[in-house]
Each structure stands twice: as structure tokens, then as C-alpha cells.
Amino acid sequence: VQLVESGGGLVQPGGSLRLSCAASGITSRFYTMGWYRQAPGKQRELVATITWGGTRNYADSVLGRFTISRDDAKSTVNLRMNSLTPEDTAVYYCNVESVFGGAPSWGQGTQVTVSS
């Protein structure tokens, strides 16, 4: 599985961004798809995940501001981010993991910078 993220950039506090991740090599819909982020000097952390059945899970820090969605027909997973704060500044990584196990796949990351 190969993942390619897009949509990062520079945004002012309070602004919005939409991240997209296109997956290739997926042969079924039985994957959990998600977004993680890593800020400078910090460990990578979960942002949001969505199962093949549509169950969503969010980090407390983004709950109510971020929305994850997926389109299995296009093998994409998206992250809509609203009310961004400087604390959201990080490299955001797309992640795909089969429900049948095996190593997860990661994208190369896309930078999100929230600054005035």
C-alpha cells in the first residue's frame, strides 16, 4: 500500500484546512484509515481514525474541530480541520492498517503550520 498526502500549508489561527490521502494498492475496504501528527520534539500522536464500518475516533484535543471521512470507492481518507490553533502545528501522516493484521502503511507526511 502506498499513501500520498496533500493539503497541508500555512494557515492563520482560527482558520481551516482539508488534508487528503490517496491510497494505492488497497484491494478491499477492510482497513482502518487514520491521521497522526508529530510536532517538533514530540512523539507522533493519533489525531483521528475511521474504521471500515465508519466508526470514528478522535483525540480529545481535536474533538469537535476536526472531522475524518473516507471514500472507499476512491481509496481516500480526508481530514477537515477547523478552528486551528498554533498547537495544531505538526507534520500530519496518513495511516492505513488492515483489520487482518500486518504492518501499517504510512504516508510521507504533510506540514501544517498555524501561525499569524
N, C-alpha and C. Protein backbone atom coordinates (compact mmCIF):
# COMPACT_ATOMS: atom_id res chain seq x y z
N VAL A 1 0.85 -1.19 0.00
CA VAL A 1 0.00 0.00 0.00
C VAL A 1 0.89 1.24 0.00
N GLN A 2 0.58 2.17 -0.86
CA GLN A 2 1.28 3.45 -0.89
C GLN A 2 0.30 4.58 -0.61
N LEU A 3 0.73 5.53 0.19
CA LEU A 3 -0.13 6.63 0.61
C LEU A 3 0.52 7.95 0.24
N VAL A 4 -0.28 8.86 -0.29
CA VAL A 4 0.21 10.19 -0.66
C VAL A 4 -0.71 11.23 -0.07
N GLU A 5 -0.16 12.06 0.83
CA GLU A 5 -0.95 13.11 1.47
C GLU A 5 -0.84 14.41 0.67
N SER A 6 -1.86 15.24 0.84
CA SER A 6 -1.86 16.57 0.24
C SER A 6 -2.74 17.48 1.09
N GLY A 7 -2.57 18.80 0.88
CA GLY A 7 -3.46 19.76 1.52
C GLY A 7 -2.87 20.52 2.68
N GLY A 8 -1.65 20.21 3.07
CA GLY A 8 -1.05 20.97 4.15
C GLY A 8 -0.68 22.38 3.72
N GLY A 9 -0.23 23.15 4.69
CA GLY A 9 0.19 24.51 4.37
C GLY A 9 0.19 25.40 5.59
N LEU A 10 0.26 26.69 5.32
CA LEU A 10 0.27 27.71 6.36
C LEU A 10 -1.12 28.33 6.48
N VAL A 11 -1.61 28.42 7.70
CA VAL A 11 -2.93 28.99 7.93
C VAL A 11 -2.89 29.81 9.22
N GLN A 12 -3.72 30.83 9.28
CA GLN A 12 -3.79 31.66 10.47
C GLN A 12 -4.61 30.99 11.56
N PRO A 13 -4.34 31.33 12.80
CA PRO A 13 -5.18 30.78 13.89
C PRO A 13 -6.64 31.05 13.64
N GLY A 14 -7.46 30.04 13.90
CA GLY A 14 -8.88 30.13 13.63
C GLY A 14 -9.28 29.69 12.24
N GLY A 15 -8.29 29.44 11.41
CA GLY A 15 -8.57 29.05 10.03
C GLY A 15 -8.84 27.57 9.88
N SER A 16 -9.00 27.16 8.63
CA SER A 16 -9.34 25.77 8.31
C SER A 16 -8.43 25.24 7.22
N LEU A 17 -8.26 23.93 7.24
CA LEU A 17 -7.54 23.22 6.19
C LEU A 17 -8.20 21.87 5.98
N ARG A 18 -8.01 21.33 4.79
CA ARG A 18 -8.50 19.98 4.50
C ARG A 18 -7.34 19.15 3.98
N LEU A 19 -7.04 18.09 4.67
CA LEU A 19 -5.99 17.17 4.24
C LEU A 19 -6.63 15.99 3.51
N SER A 20 -5.95 15.52 2.49
CA SER A 20 -6.41 14.34 1.76
C SER A 20 -5.28 13.32 1.66
N CYS A 21 -5.66 12.08 1.60
CA CYS A 21 -4.68 11.00 1.47
C CYS A 21 -5.22 10.00 0.46
N ALA A 22 -4.45 9.78 -0.58
CA ALA A 22 -4.83 8.82 -1.61
C ALA A 22 -4.02 7.54 -1.43
N ALA A 23 -4.73 6.43 -1.37
CA ALA A 23 -4.08 5.13 -1.17
C ALA A 23 -4.11 4.33 -2.47
N SER A 24 -3.01 3.69 -2.76
CA SER A 24 -2.96 2.77 -3.89
C SER A 24 -2.49 1.41 -3.40
N GLY A 25 -2.98 0.38 -4.06
CA GLY A 25 -2.60 -0.97 -3.64
C GLY A 25 -3.55 -1.60 -2.66
N ILE A 26 -4.64 -0.89 -2.36
CA ILE A 26 -5.65 -1.46 -1.46
C ILE A 26 -6.60 -2.31 -2.28
N THR A 27 -6.82 -3.53 -1.82
CA THR A 27 -7.64 -4.46 -2.59
C THR A 27 -8.99 -4.74 -1.94
N SER A 28 -9.22 -4.17 -0.75
CA SER A 28 -10.51 -4.34 -0.10
C SER A 28 -10.78 -3.11 0.74
N ARG A 29 -11.95 -3.07 1.37
CA ARG A 29 -12.28 -1.91 2.21
C ARG A 29 -12.03 -2.21 3.68
N PHE A 30 -11.45 -3.37 3.98
CA PHE A 30 -11.29 -3.78 5.37
C PHE A 30 -10.01 -3.22 5.98
N TYR A 31 -9.98 -1.90 6.01
CA TYR A 31 -8.86 -1.19 6.58
C TYR A 31 -9.37 -0.13 7.54
N THR A 32 -8.62 0.10 8.59
CA THR A 32 -8.81 1.31 9.39
C THR A 32 -7.88 2.36 8.80
N MET A 33 -8.43 3.54 8.57
CA MET A 33 -7.64 4.63 8.00
C MET A 33 -7.57 5.75 9.02
N GLY A 34 -6.47 6.45 9.03
CA GLY A 34 -6.35 7.47 10.06
C GLY A 34 -5.31 8.52 9.78
N TRP A 35 -5.29 9.49 10.66
CA TRP A 35 -4.31 10.57 10.63
C TRP A 35 -3.60 10.65 11.97
N TYR A 36 -2.30 10.83 11.89
CA TYR A 36 -1.46 11.05 13.06
C TYR A 36 -0.66 12.32 12.81
N ARG A 37 -0.08 12.86 13.86
CA ARG A 37 0.74 14.05 13.69
C ARG A 37 1.93 14.01 14.63
N GLN A 38 2.96 14.72 14.23
CA GLN A 38 4.16 14.82 15.04
C GLN A 38 4.68 16.24 15.02
N ALA A 39 4.67 16.85 16.19
CA ALA A 39 5.19 18.20 16.33
C ALA A 39 6.68 18.12 16.68
N PRO A 40 7.43 19.18 16.42
CA PRO A 40 8.87 19.17 16.73
C PRO A 40 9.14 18.82 18.19
N GLY A 41 10.01 17.86 18.41
CA GLY A 41 10.39 17.49 19.76
C GLY A 41 9.37 16.63 20.49
N LYS A 42 8.32 16.23 19.79
CA LYS A 42 7.28 15.42 20.43
C LYS A 42 7.11 14.10 19.70
N GLN A 43 6.47 13.16 20.38
CA GLN A 43 6.19 11.87 19.77
C GLN A 43 5.00 11.98 18.81
N ARG A 44 4.97 11.06 17.87
CA ARG A 44 3.82 11.01 16.97
C ARG A 44 2.58 10.61 17.77
N GLU A 45 1.47 11.28 17.49
CA GLU A 45 0.25 11.03 18.22
C GLU A 45 -0.93 10.84 17.29
N LEU A 46 -1.90 10.09 17.76
CA LEU A 46 -3.11 9.88 16.98
C LEU A 46 -3.93 11.16 16.92
N VAL A 47 -4.47 11.44 15.73
CA VAL A 47 -5.39 12.56 15.57
C VAL A 47 -6.81 12.02 15.42
N ALA A 48 -7.00 11.13 14.46
CA ALA A 48 -8.33 10.58 14.21
C ALA A 48 -8.20 9.31 13.38
N THR A 49 -9.13 8.39 13.61
CA THR A 49 -9.20 7.17 12.80
C THR A 49 -10.64 6.91 12.41
N ILE A 50 -10.81 6.14 11.34
CA ILE A 50 -12.14 5.73 10.91
C ILE A 50 -12.04 4.29 10.42
N THR A 51 -12.91 3.43 10.95
CA THR A 51 -12.89 2.03 10.59
C THR A 51 -13.62 1.80 9.27
N TRP A 52 -13.51 0.58 8.77
CA TRP A 52 -14.20 0.26 7.52
C TRP A 52 -15.71 0.35 7.69
N GLY A 53 -16.17 0.22 8.93
CA GLY A 53 -17.60 0.33 9.20
C GLY A 53 -18.06 1.75 9.47
N GLY A 54 -17.11 2.69 9.48
CA GLY A 54 -17.46 4.10 9.66
C GLY A 54 -17.36 4.61 11.09
N THR A 55 -16.87 3.80 12.01
CA THR A 55 -16.70 4.27 13.38
C THR A 55 -15.50 5.21 13.46
N ARG A 56 -15.72 6.38 14.04
CA ARG A 56 -14.68 7.40 14.14
C ARG A 56 -14.15 7.51 15.57
N ASN A 57 -12.88 7.82 15.66
CA ASN A 57 -12.23 8.01 16.95
C ASN A 57 -11.35 9.25 16.83
N TYR A 58 -11.45 10.15 17.80
CA TYR A 58 -10.69 11.40 17.76
C TYR A 58 -9.88 11.58 19.04
N ALA A 59 -8.74 12.22 18.89
CA ALA A 59 -8.01 12.68 20.06
C ALA A 59 -8.83 13.76 20.75
N ASP A 60 -8.74 13.81 22.06
CA ASP A 60 -9.51 14.81 22.81
C ASP A 60 -9.20 16.23 22.35
N SER A 61 -7.95 16.46 21.96
CA SER A 61 -7.52 17.80 21.60
C SER A 61 -8.15 18.31 20.31
N VAL A 62 -8.68 17.42 19.48
CA VAL A 62 -9.26 17.84 18.21
C VAL A 62 -10.76 17.60 18.14
N LEU A 63 -11.31 16.96 19.15
CA LEU A 63 -12.74 16.62 19.13
C LEU A 63 -13.58 17.87 18.98
N GLY A 64 -14.49 17.83 18.03
CA GLY A 64 -15.36 18.97 17.78
C GLY A 64 -14.80 19.96 16.78
N ARG A 65 -13.51 19.83 16.46
CA ARG A 65 -12.90 20.75 15.49
C ARG A 65 -12.51 20.04 14.20
N PHE A 66 -12.13 18.77 14.31
CA PHE A 66 -11.67 18.00 13.14
C PHE A 66 -12.71 16.95 12.78
N THR A 67 -12.80 16.66 11.50
CA THR A 67 -13.72 15.62 11.01
C THR A 67 -12.98 14.72 10.03
N ILE A 68 -13.00 13.43 10.30
CA ILE A 68 -12.37 12.47 9.40
C ILE A 68 -13.45 11.80 8.55
N SER A 69 -13.12 11.55 7.30
CA SER A 69 -14.04 10.85 6.40
C SER A 69 -13.24 10.00 5.43
N ARG A 70 -13.93 9.05 4.82
CA ARG A 70 -13.26 8.19 3.86
C ARG A 70 -14.18 7.91 2.69
N ASP A 71 -13.56 7.65 1.56
CA ASP A 71 -14.28 7.29 0.34
C ASP A 71 -13.64 6.01 -0.18
N ASP A 72 -14.27 4.89 0.07
CA ASP A 72 -13.68 3.61 -0.31
C ASP A 72 -13.64 3.43 -1.83
N ALA A 73 -14.56 4.06 -2.53
CA ALA A 73 -14.55 3.95 -3.99
C ALA A 73 -13.30 4.60 -4.57
N LYS A 74 -12.81 5.63 -3.91
CA LYS A 74 -11.62 6.34 -4.38
C LYS A 74 -10.38 5.99 -3.56
N SER A 75 -10.55 5.17 -2.53
CA SER A 75 -9.43 4.81 -1.63
C SER A 75 -8.77 6.05 -1.05
N THR A 76 -9.60 6.94 -0.53
CA THR A 76 -9.08 8.16 0.07
C THR A 76 -9.60 8.33 1.50
N VAL A 77 -8.82 9.04 2.28
CA VAL A 77 -9.25 9.44 3.61
C VAL A 77 -8.92 10.92 3.77
N ASN A 78 -9.85 11.67 4.31
CA ASN A 78 -9.72 13.11 4.41
C ASN A 78 -9.83 13.56 5.86
N LEU A 79 -9.25 14.71 6.13
CA LEU A 79 -9.33 15.29 7.46
C LEU A 79 -9.67 16.76 7.31
N ARG A 80 -10.84 17.12 7.74
CA ARG A 80 -11.24 18.52 7.73
C ARG A 80 -10.89 19.11 9.09
N MET A 81 -10.10 20.18 9.08
CA MET A 81 -9.62 20.79 10.32
C MET A 81 -10.13 22.22 10.41
N ASN A 82 -10.91 22.50 11.44
CA ASN A 82 -11.44 23.84 11.68
C ASN A 82 -10.89 24.41 12.98
N SER A 83 -11.03 25.69 13.13
CA SER A 83 -10.62 26.38 14.36
C SER A 83 -9.19 26.01 14.75
N LEU A 84 -8.31 26.07 13.80
CA LEU A 84 -6.93 25.66 14.05
C LEU A 84 -6.23 26.62 15.01
N THR A 85 -5.36 26.03 15.81
CA THR A 85 -4.56 26.80 16.76
C THR A 85 -3.08 26.49 16.53
N PRO A 86 -2.19 27.33 17.05
CA PRO A 86 -0.75 27.05 16.87
C PRO A 86 -0.36 25.66 17.41
N GLU A 87 -1.11 25.16 18.37
CA GLU A 87 -0.81 23.83 18.93
C GLU A 87 -1.10 22.71 17.93
N ASP A 88 -1.78 23.01 16.84
CA ASP A 88 -2.03 22.01 15.80
C ASP A 88 -0.88 21.93 14.79
N THR A 89 0.09 22.81 14.93
CA THR A 89 1.23 22.79 14.02
C THR A 89 2.00 21.49 14.17
N ALA A 90 2.18 20.79 13.06
CA ALA A 90 2.85 19.49 13.07
C ALA A 90 2.94 18.96 11.65
N VAL A 91 3.68 17.88 11.51
CA VAL A 91 3.62 17.10 10.27
C VAL A 91 2.52 16.06 10.46
N TYR A 92 1.61 16.03 9.51
CA TYR A 92 0.46 15.12 9.59
C TYR A 92 0.71 13.93 8.66
N TYR A 93 0.50 12.74 9.20
CA TYR A 93 0.75 11.50 8.48
C TYR A 93 -0.53 10.69 8.30
N CYS A 94 -0.71 10.20 7.11
CA CYS A 94 -1.81 9.30 6.82
C CYS A 94 -1.38 7.87 7.19
N ASN A 95 -2.33 7.10 7.66
CA ASN A 95 -2.05 5.73 8.11
C ASN A 95 -3.17 4.81 7.66
N VAL A 96 -2.79 3.63 7.22
CA VAL A 96 -3.76 2.61 6.83
C VAL A 96 -3.33 1.28 7.45
N GLU A 97 -4.27 0.60 8.07
CA GLU A 97 -3.94 -0.67 8.73
C GLU A 97 -5.06 -1.67 8.46
N SER A 98 -4.67 -2.84 7.95
CA SER A 98 -5.64 -3.87 7.65
C SER A 98 -6.23 -4.46 8.93
N VAL A 99 -7.51 -4.78 8.89
CA VAL A 99 -8.13 -5.42 10.05
C VAL A 99 -7.63 -6.84 10.23
N PHE A 100 -6.96 -7.37 9.23
CA PHE A 100 -6.44 -8.73 9.29
C PHE A 100 -5.00 -8.78 9.79
N GLY A 101 -4.49 -7.62 10.21
CA GLY A 101 -3.14 -7.59 10.77
C GLY A 101 -2.11 -7.21 9.75
N GLY A 102 -0.85 -7.30 10.15
CA GLY A 102 0.24 -6.90 9.28
C GLY A 102 0.70 -5.49 9.61
N ALA A 103 1.80 -5.13 9.04
CA ALA A 103 2.37 -3.81 9.33
C ALA A 103 1.52 -2.70 8.73
N PRO A 104 1.31 -1.63 9.47
CA PRO A 104 0.57 -0.49 8.91
C PRO A 104 1.38 0.22 7.85
N SER A 105 0.68 0.95 7.01
CA SER A 105 1.33 1.76 5.97
C SER A 105 1.25 3.22 6.37
N TRP A 106 2.29 3.98 6.02
CA TRP A 106 2.36 5.39 6.37
C TRP A 106 2.66 6.21 5.12
N GLY A 107 2.10 7.41 5.09
CA GLY A 107 2.46 8.35 4.05
C GLY A 107 3.73 9.09 4.41
N GLN A 108 4.14 9.97 3.53
CA GLN A 108 5.39 10.71 3.74
C GLN A 108 5.21 11.92 4.65
N GLY A 109 3.98 12.30 4.88
CA GLY A 109 3.69 13.42 5.77
C GLY A 109 3.47 14.72 5.02
N THR A 110 2.64 15.58 5.59
CA THR A 110 2.41 16.91 5.05
C THR A 110 2.43 17.91 6.20
N GLN A 111 3.12 19.01 5.98
CA GLN A 111 3.31 20.00 7.04
C GLN A 111 2.09 20.90 7.17
N VAL A 112 1.65 21.07 8.40
CA VAL A 112 0.59 22.03 8.72
C VAL A 112 1.18 23.03 9.72
N THR A 113 1.15 24.29 9.36
CA THR A 113 1.67 25.34 10.23
C THR A 113 0.57 26.35 10.49
N VAL A 114 0.29 26.57 11.76
CA VAL A 114 -0.74 27.53 12.16
C VAL A 114 -0.04 28.70 12.84
N SER A 115 -0.06 29.82 12.16
CA SER A 115 0.68 30.97 12.67
C SER A 115 0.12 32.25 12.07
N SER A 116 0.21 33.33 12.84
CA SER A 116 -0.21 34.63 12.33
C SER A 116 0.97 35.38 11.76
